[in-house]
Amino acid sequence: MIRTERKYIEILRILKEHREPVGAKRLSGLMAERGFILSDRAVQYYLSYLDTMGFTEKVGNQGRILTPEGFQETDNALVDDRIGFVISKLERLAYRSTFDPSSGTGDVAYNLSVVPEESLDRIQAAFDEVVKAGCGFFSSYRIIDNDPRIPHGSAGIITICSISMDGVFQRNGVPVKMAYGGRLEIAGGTPKRFVDLIGYRGTTIDPLELFISSGLTSINSYCRTRSGITLANVREVPSSALHQVEDTIGQMNQCGFIFPVSMGNQVFNLPHNPYRLSIVAFSGLNFIGNTAEQGFDIKTEIGAGNIPFAKVMETN
């Protein structure tokens, strides 16, 4: 029954998202955010069952973590249970983003990459190539080393996740929908067309992560020659919000955000829609894609959480 019980699956998913032990009280709150109202005692009951199944284990009084079997069980959960999980996670991060571009304050969503310490200088060079080429969502990144999620002998790199844009639009009263993740072909510095698109609401994994792992990008080529295949997202907003969207984008550009690549009722080879504007933006995962293309070991948690914008801007 474990594979068809949504409450068990959601608990496993939450534990997978958090590298540190999670206690019953915190699990109860996180489950409530996903629509499952459970008391601390009820959560304890589910955790006891998961312990018995060998999917979780207790770490002193700190809480539970997943076992290797638990990771495998989470990955093998029913496909129909996992459809929509990626976009749901991103939408939660957007809701928690409090960034105000007019003041440059508040929280943004971020991705966390873990890299070997001995490769950090060369990986930084790969990140800097993306910054110079202007194909990241944001114009800088942040290196961290004092974080419990970073193993010994490794370094962490924070990049701003483009879902932060959605949080800004929502707080300004503009309804926004993350529609697609795609591979954008660019020739001689001019974006031409989407080679592939995957809808966020019909997938069990992040589309851009799939393109990177499948070797379907040529971001390094773009960084060096201004021609290649990069990663970009497509968002949709009401056409009537055009002026408000333009004002918001202008404020975010002044803070260091790099978008849009294009915007309109009909962009590139997307269908024409007179009622909705498509906003095409480079993804922050172009940093990771360029690094992976050059053969460096990099592990990235997409949408790792929310962090004050000022922390990202701190000098390393």
Protein backbone atom coordinates (compact mmCIF):
# COMPACT_ATOMS: atom_id res chain seq x y z
CA MET A 1 0.00 0.00 0.00
CA ILE A 2 2.99 2.32 0.47
CA ARG A 3 3.13 3.18 -3.23
CA THR A 4 -0.46 4.35 -3.39
CA GLU A 5 -0.71 6.18 -0.06
CA ARG A 6 -0.23 9.88 -0.75
CA LYS A 7 0.51 10.84 2.86
CA TYR A 8 3.40 8.40 3.06
CA ILE A 9 4.74 9.57 -0.29
CA GLU A 10 4.56 13.25 0.70
CA ILE A 11 6.44 12.57 3.94
CA LEU A 12 9.15 10.77 1.96
CA ARG A 13 9.33 13.66 -0.50
CA ILE A 14 9.72 16.23 2.26
CA LEU A 15 12.53 14.23 3.86
CA LYS A 16 14.23 13.93 0.47
CA GLU A 17 14.11 17.72 0.01
CA HIS A 18 15.77 18.32 3.39
CA ARG A 19 19.28 17.03 3.91
CA GLU A 20 19.09 17.58 7.67
CA PRO A 21 16.86 15.53 10.05
CA VAL A 22 13.23 16.73 10.21
CA GLY A 23 11.11 16.34 13.35
CA ALA A 24 7.42 15.45 13.57
CA LYS A 25 6.31 18.99 14.46
CA ARG A 26 8.06 20.51 11.47
CA LEU A 27 6.81 17.71 9.23
CA SER A 28 3.26 18.46 10.37
CA GLY A 29 3.65 22.09 9.27
CA LEU A 30 5.24 21.17 5.94
CA MET A 31 2.49 18.61 5.25
CA ALA A 32 -0.14 21.28 5.95
CA GLU A 33 1.43 23.46 3.25
CA ARG A 34 0.77 20.60 0.82
CA GLY A 35 -2.84 20.17 1.85
CA PHE A 36 -2.46 17.34 4.37
CA ILE A 37 -3.61 18.38 7.85
CA LEU A 38 -2.01 15.98 10.33
CA SER A 39 -1.36 16.32 14.05
CA ASP A 40 2.13 15.74 15.41
CA ARG A 41 0.88 12.45 16.81
CA ALA A 42 -0.47 11.35 13.43
CA VAL A 43 2.85 12.21 11.79
CA GLN A 44 4.62 10.13 14.45
CA TYR A 45 2.37 7.20 13.52
CA TYR A 46 3.29 7.48 9.84
CA LEU A 47 6.98 7.84 10.70
CA SER A 48 6.87 4.72 12.87
CA TYR A 49 5.46 2.78 9.93
CA LEU A 50 8.14 4.18 7.59
CA ASP A 51 10.80 3.20 10.13
CA THR A 52 9.39 -0.33 10.17
CA MET A 53 9.51 -0.45 6.35
CA GLY A 54 13.15 0.65 6.45
CA PHE A 55 12.52 3.88 4.52
CA THR A 56 13.36 6.29 7.37
CA GLU A 57 15.59 6.27 10.43
CA LYS A 58 15.70 8.37 13.57
CA VAL A 59 18.72 10.58 14.30
CA GLY A 60 18.71 11.03 18.07
CA ASN A 61 16.17 13.70 19.05
CA GLN A 62 16.73 15.71 15.85
CA GLY A 63 14.18 13.89 13.69
CA ARG A 64 14.13 11.52 10.72
CA ILE A 65 16.18 11.17 7.56
CA LEU A 66 15.69 8.94 4.54
CA THR A 67 17.56 5.66 4.26
CA PRO A 68 18.94 4.55 0.86
CA GLU A 69 15.82 2.40 0.53
CA GLY A 70 13.73 5.48 1.30
CA PHE A 71 15.40 7.44 -1.49
CA GLN A 72 14.71 4.60 -3.90
CA GLU A 73 11.08 4.30 -2.79
CA THR A 74 10.56 8.04 -3.28
CA ASP A 75 12.06 7.91 -6.76
CA ASN A 76 9.86 4.92 -7.64
CA ALA A 77 6.59 6.47 -6.44
CA LEU A 78 3.72 6.20 -8.90
CA VAL A 79 4.17 8.44 -11.92
CA ASP A 80 0.70 9.99 -11.61
CA ASP A 81 1.54 10.92 -7.99
CA ARG A 82 4.71 12.68 -9.16
CA ILE A 83 3.21 14.65 -12.06
CA GLY A 84 2.97 18.27 -11.00
CA PHE A 85 5.40 17.84 -8.10
CA VAL A 86 8.11 20.00 -9.73
CA ILE A 87 5.82 22.95 -10.46
CA SER A 88 4.19 22.67 -7.02
CA LYS A 89 7.59 22.98 -5.35
CA LEU A 90 8.51 26.00 -7.51
CA GLU A 91 5.20 27.70 -6.82
CA ARG A 92 5.75 27.34 -3.07
CA LEU A 93 9.14 29.01 -3.46
CA ALA A 94 7.57 31.81 -5.49
CA TYR A 95 4.95 32.36 -2.80
CA ARG A 96 7.68 32.60 -0.14
CA SER A 97 9.76 35.05 -2.19
CA THR A 98 9.35 38.53 -0.73
CA PHE A 99 11.82 40.42 -2.91
CA ASP A 100 10.92 44.06 -3.60
CA PRO A 101 12.85 45.37 -6.63
CA SER A 102 12.07 48.98 -5.77
CA SER A 103 14.14 48.71 -2.58
CA GLY A 104 16.33 45.72 -3.44
CA THR A 105 15.30 43.94 -0.24
CA GLY A 106 13.49 40.74 0.66
CA ASP A 107 13.93 37.03 -0.01
CA VAL A 108 14.59 35.33 -3.34
CA ALA A 109 14.47 31.64 -4.30
CA TYR A 110 17.81 29.99 -4.96
CA ASN A 111 19.51 26.89 -6.35
CA LEU A 112 22.34 25.28 -4.39
CA SER A 113 25.22 23.55 -6.20
CA VAL A 114 27.84 21.42 -4.45
CA VAL A 115 31.25 21.07 -6.13
CA PRO A 116 34.62 19.54 -5.19
CA GLU A 117 36.83 22.10 -3.43
CA GLU A 118 39.81 21.25 -5.64
CA SER A 119 37.80 22.16 -8.77
CA LEU A 120 36.30 25.38 -7.41
CA ASP A 121 38.58 27.81 -9.29
CA ARG A 122 37.87 26.18 -12.66
CA ILE A 123 34.15 25.91 -11.93
CA GLN A 124 34.11 29.59 -10.99
CA ALA A 125 35.65 30.31 -14.39
CA ALA A 126 32.76 28.40 -16.01
CA PHE A 127 30.24 30.42 -14.00
CA ASP A 128 32.02 33.64 -14.95
CA GLU A 129 31.69 32.72 -18.63
CA VAL A 130 27.91 32.65 -18.22
CA VAL A 131 27.97 35.99 -16.39
CA LYS A 132 30.04 37.56 -19.18
CA ALA A 133 27.79 36.10 -21.90
CA GLY A 134 24.69 37.42 -20.11
CA CYS A 135 22.81 34.13 -20.31
CA GLY A 136 22.22 33.59 -16.60
CA PHE A 137 19.03 34.76 -14.91
CA PHE A 138 21.08 36.94 -12.56
CA SER A 139 24.39 38.74 -13.06
CA SER A 140 26.30 37.10 -10.19
CA TYR A 141 26.44 34.15 -7.81
CA ARG A 142 27.57 33.46 -4.26
CA ILE A 143 30.08 30.93 -2.94
CA ILE A 144 29.42 29.50 0.53
CA ASP A 145 31.40 27.09 2.68
CA ASN A 146 29.89 27.45 6.16
CA ASP A 147 26.70 25.49 5.64
CA PRO A 148 25.67 22.11 7.12
CA ARG A 149 24.53 20.95 3.68
CA ILE A 150 28.05 21.27 2.24
CA PRO A 151 30.11 18.08 2.85
CA HIS A 152 33.73 18.24 3.93
CA GLY A 153 36.02 18.78 0.95
CA SER A 154 33.29 20.52 -1.06
CA ALA A 155 32.13 24.06 -1.67
CA GLY A 156 28.65 25.44 -2.27
CA ILE A 157 27.50 27.88 -4.93
CA ILE A 158 24.20 29.76 -4.71
CA THR A 159 22.48 31.01 -7.86
CA ILE A 160 19.16 32.85 -7.92
CA CYS A 161 16.31 30.72 -9.25
CA SER A 162 14.16 32.35 -11.92
CA ILE A 163 11.01 31.46 -9.94
CA SER A 164 11.88 34.56 -7.89
CA MET A 165 10.45 36.55 -10.81
CA ASP A 166 7.07 34.89 -10.30
CA GLY A 167 7.06 35.93 -6.65
CA VAL A 168 7.69 39.57 -7.62
CA PHE A 169 4.90 39.55 -10.20
CA GLN A 170 2.44 37.96 -7.79
CA ARG A 171 3.16 40.51 -5.07
CA ASN A 172 2.54 43.25 -7.63
CA GLY A 173 -0.87 41.76 -8.48
CA VAL A 174 0.13 40.18 -11.79
CA PRO A 175 -1.01 36.56 -12.20
CA VAL A 176 1.81 34.54 -13.75
CA LYS A 177 2.08 30.96 -14.95
CA MET A 178 5.33 29.05 -15.44
CA ALA A 179 4.48 27.37 -18.74
CA TYR A 180 7.51 25.72 -20.34
CA GLY A 181 11.18 24.95 -19.99
CA GLY A 182 13.04 24.72 -23.25
CA ARG A 183 16.18 24.67 -25.36
CA LEU A 184 16.62 28.03 -27.08
CA GLU A 185 18.70 28.16 -30.26
CA ILE A 186 20.85 31.29 -30.66
CA ALA A 187 22.89 32.15 -33.75
CA GLY A 188 25.35 35.04 -33.86
CA GLY A 189 23.90 36.47 -30.66
CA THR A 190 20.33 36.46 -32.01
CA PRO A 191 17.77 34.08 -30.43
CA LYS A 192 16.07 32.13 -33.23
CA ARG A 193 13.66 29.46 -31.98
CA PHE A 194 12.88 26.88 -29.35
CA VAL A 195 14.28 23.50 -30.36
CA ASP A 196 12.33 21.70 -27.60
CA LEU A 197 9.75 22.63 -24.99
CA ILE A 198 8.43 20.66 -22.00
CA GLY A 199 5.40 21.83 -19.99
CA TYR A 200 6.07 22.14 -16.27
CA ARG A 201 2.61 20.88 -15.30
CA GLY A 202 2.89 17.58 -17.14
CA THR A 203 6.31 16.33 -16.06
CA THR A 204 7.74 14.39 -13.13
CA ILE A 205 11.22 15.99 -13.35
CA ASP A 206 12.54 19.49 -14.02
CA PRO A 207 12.69 19.91 -17.84
CA LEU A 208 15.93 21.91 -17.82
CA GLU A 209 17.65 19.42 -15.53
CA LEU A 210 16.69 16.74 -18.07
CA PHE A 211 18.22 18.71 -20.96
CA ILE A 212 21.49 19.14 -19.02
CA SER A 213 21.78 15.50 -17.96
CA SER A 214 21.01 14.33 -21.52
CA GLY A 215 23.78 16.47 -23.02
CA LEU A 216 21.32 18.46 -25.15
CA THR A 217 22.82 21.92 -24.56
CA SER A 218 25.76 23.83 -26.06
CA ILE A 219 25.95 26.68 -23.56
CA ASN A 220 29.74 26.74 -23.65
CA SER A 221 29.62 27.27 -27.41
CA TYR A 222 27.28 30.22 -26.90
CA CYS A 223 29.54 31.72 -24.24
CA ARG A 224 32.52 31.58 -26.61
CA THR A 225 30.96 32.21 -30.04
CA ARG A 226 27.48 33.64 -29.30
CA SER A 227 25.95 30.66 -31.12
CA GLY A 228 24.58 27.59 -29.37
CA ILE A 229 21.70 25.97 -27.48
CA THR A 230 20.90 27.55 -24.12
CA LEU A 231 18.24 26.94 -21.46
CA ALA A 232 15.25 29.26 -21.09
CA ASN A 233 11.83 29.33 -19.42
CA VAL A 234 8.54 30.64 -20.75
CA ARG A 235 6.05 32.36 -18.45
CA GLU A 236 2.61 33.66 -19.34
CA VAL A 237 0.90 36.79 -17.96
CA PRO A 238 -2.28 38.63 -19.04
CA SER A 239 -1.75 41.01 -21.99
CA SER A 240 -3.57 43.73 -20.05
CA ALA A 241 -0.73 43.75 -17.49
CA LEU A 242 1.88 44.80 -20.08
CA HIS A 243 2.77 48.19 -18.61
CA GLN A 244 2.95 46.87 -15.05
CA VAL A 245 5.11 43.97 -16.22
CA GLU A 246 7.45 46.32 -18.08
CA ASP A 247 7.82 48.54 -15.00
CA THR A 248 8.56 45.54 -12.78
CA ILE A 249 11.10 44.14 -15.22
CA GLY A 250 12.84 47.52 -15.40
CA GLN A 251 13.18 47.63 -11.62
CA MET A 252 14.52 44.06 -11.50
CA ASN A 253 17.03 44.81 -14.28
CA GLN A 254 18.42 47.63 -12.15
CA CYS A 255 18.99 45.11 -9.35
CA GLY A 256 21.04 42.81 -11.62
CA PHE A 257 18.40 40.45 -13.04
CA ILE A 258 18.84 39.61 -16.73
CA PHE A 259 15.54 39.18 -18.59
CA PRO A 260 13.56 39.04 -20.77
CA VAL A 261 15.16 37.47 -23.82
CA SER A 262 11.89 38.32 -25.57
CA MET A 263 8.30 39.15 -24.66
CA GLY A 264 5.06 39.42 -26.62
CA ASN A 265 1.85 37.78 -27.78
CA GLN A 266 3.88 35.78 -30.28
CA VAL A 267 7.58 35.10 -29.68
CA PHE A 268 9.90 32.83 -31.64
CA ASN A 269 8.03 29.69 -32.73
CA LEU A 270 5.46 29.77 -29.89
CA PRO A 271 1.75 29.97 -30.85
CA HIS A 272 0.18 33.43 -31.07
CA ASN A 273 -2.11 34.33 -28.15
CA PRO A 274 -3.80 37.76 -28.18
CA TYR A 275 -4.79 37.51 -24.52
CA ARG A 276 -1.54 36.41 -22.92
CA LEU A 277 2.04 37.66 -23.06
CA SER A 278 4.86 35.14 -23.18
CA ILE A 279 7.96 36.15 -21.21
CA VAL A 280 11.09 34.27 -22.24
CA ALA A 281 13.96 34.38 -19.73
CA PHE A 282 17.34 32.67 -19.56
CA SER A 283 17.47 30.11 -16.77
CA GLY A 284 19.87 30.23 -13.83
CA LEU A 285 20.63 26.61 -14.74
CA ASN A 286 22.79 27.85 -17.64
CA PHE A 287 25.52 28.20 -14.95
CA ILE A 288 25.17 24.52 -14.14
CA GLY A 289 24.83 23.46 -17.79
CA ASN A 290 28.03 25.24 -18.83
CA THR A 291 29.89 23.61 -15.94
CA ALA A 292 28.54 20.13 -16.75
CA GLU A 293 29.43 20.50 -20.44
CA GLN A 294 33.06 21.02 -19.46
CA GLY A 295 33.09 17.76 -17.52
CA PHE A 296 33.17 19.12 -13.97
CA ASP A 297 31.44 17.30 -11.14
CA ILE A 298 28.51 19.42 -9.94
CA LYS A 299 25.40 18.43 -8.00
CA THR A 300 22.56 20.93 -7.86
CA GLU A 301 19.38 21.15 -5.80
CA ILE A 302 16.94 23.20 -7.88
CA GLY A 303 14.80 25.42 -5.69
CA ALA A 304 16.78 24.72 -2.52
CA GLY A 305 14.91 27.38 -0.55
CA ASN A 306 14.60 31.13 0.00
CA ILE A 307 17.35 33.49 1.12
CA PRO A 308 17.66 37.26 1.70
CA PHE A 309 18.74 38.99 -1.51
CA ALA A 310 21.46 40.78 0.46
CA LYS A 311 23.11 37.42 1.23
CA VAL A 312 23.51 36.70 -2.47
CA MET A 313 25.05 40.13 -3.00
CA GLU A 314 27.68 39.71 -0.26
CA THR A 315 31.27 39.71 -1.49
CA ASN A 316 32.98 36.31 -1.27
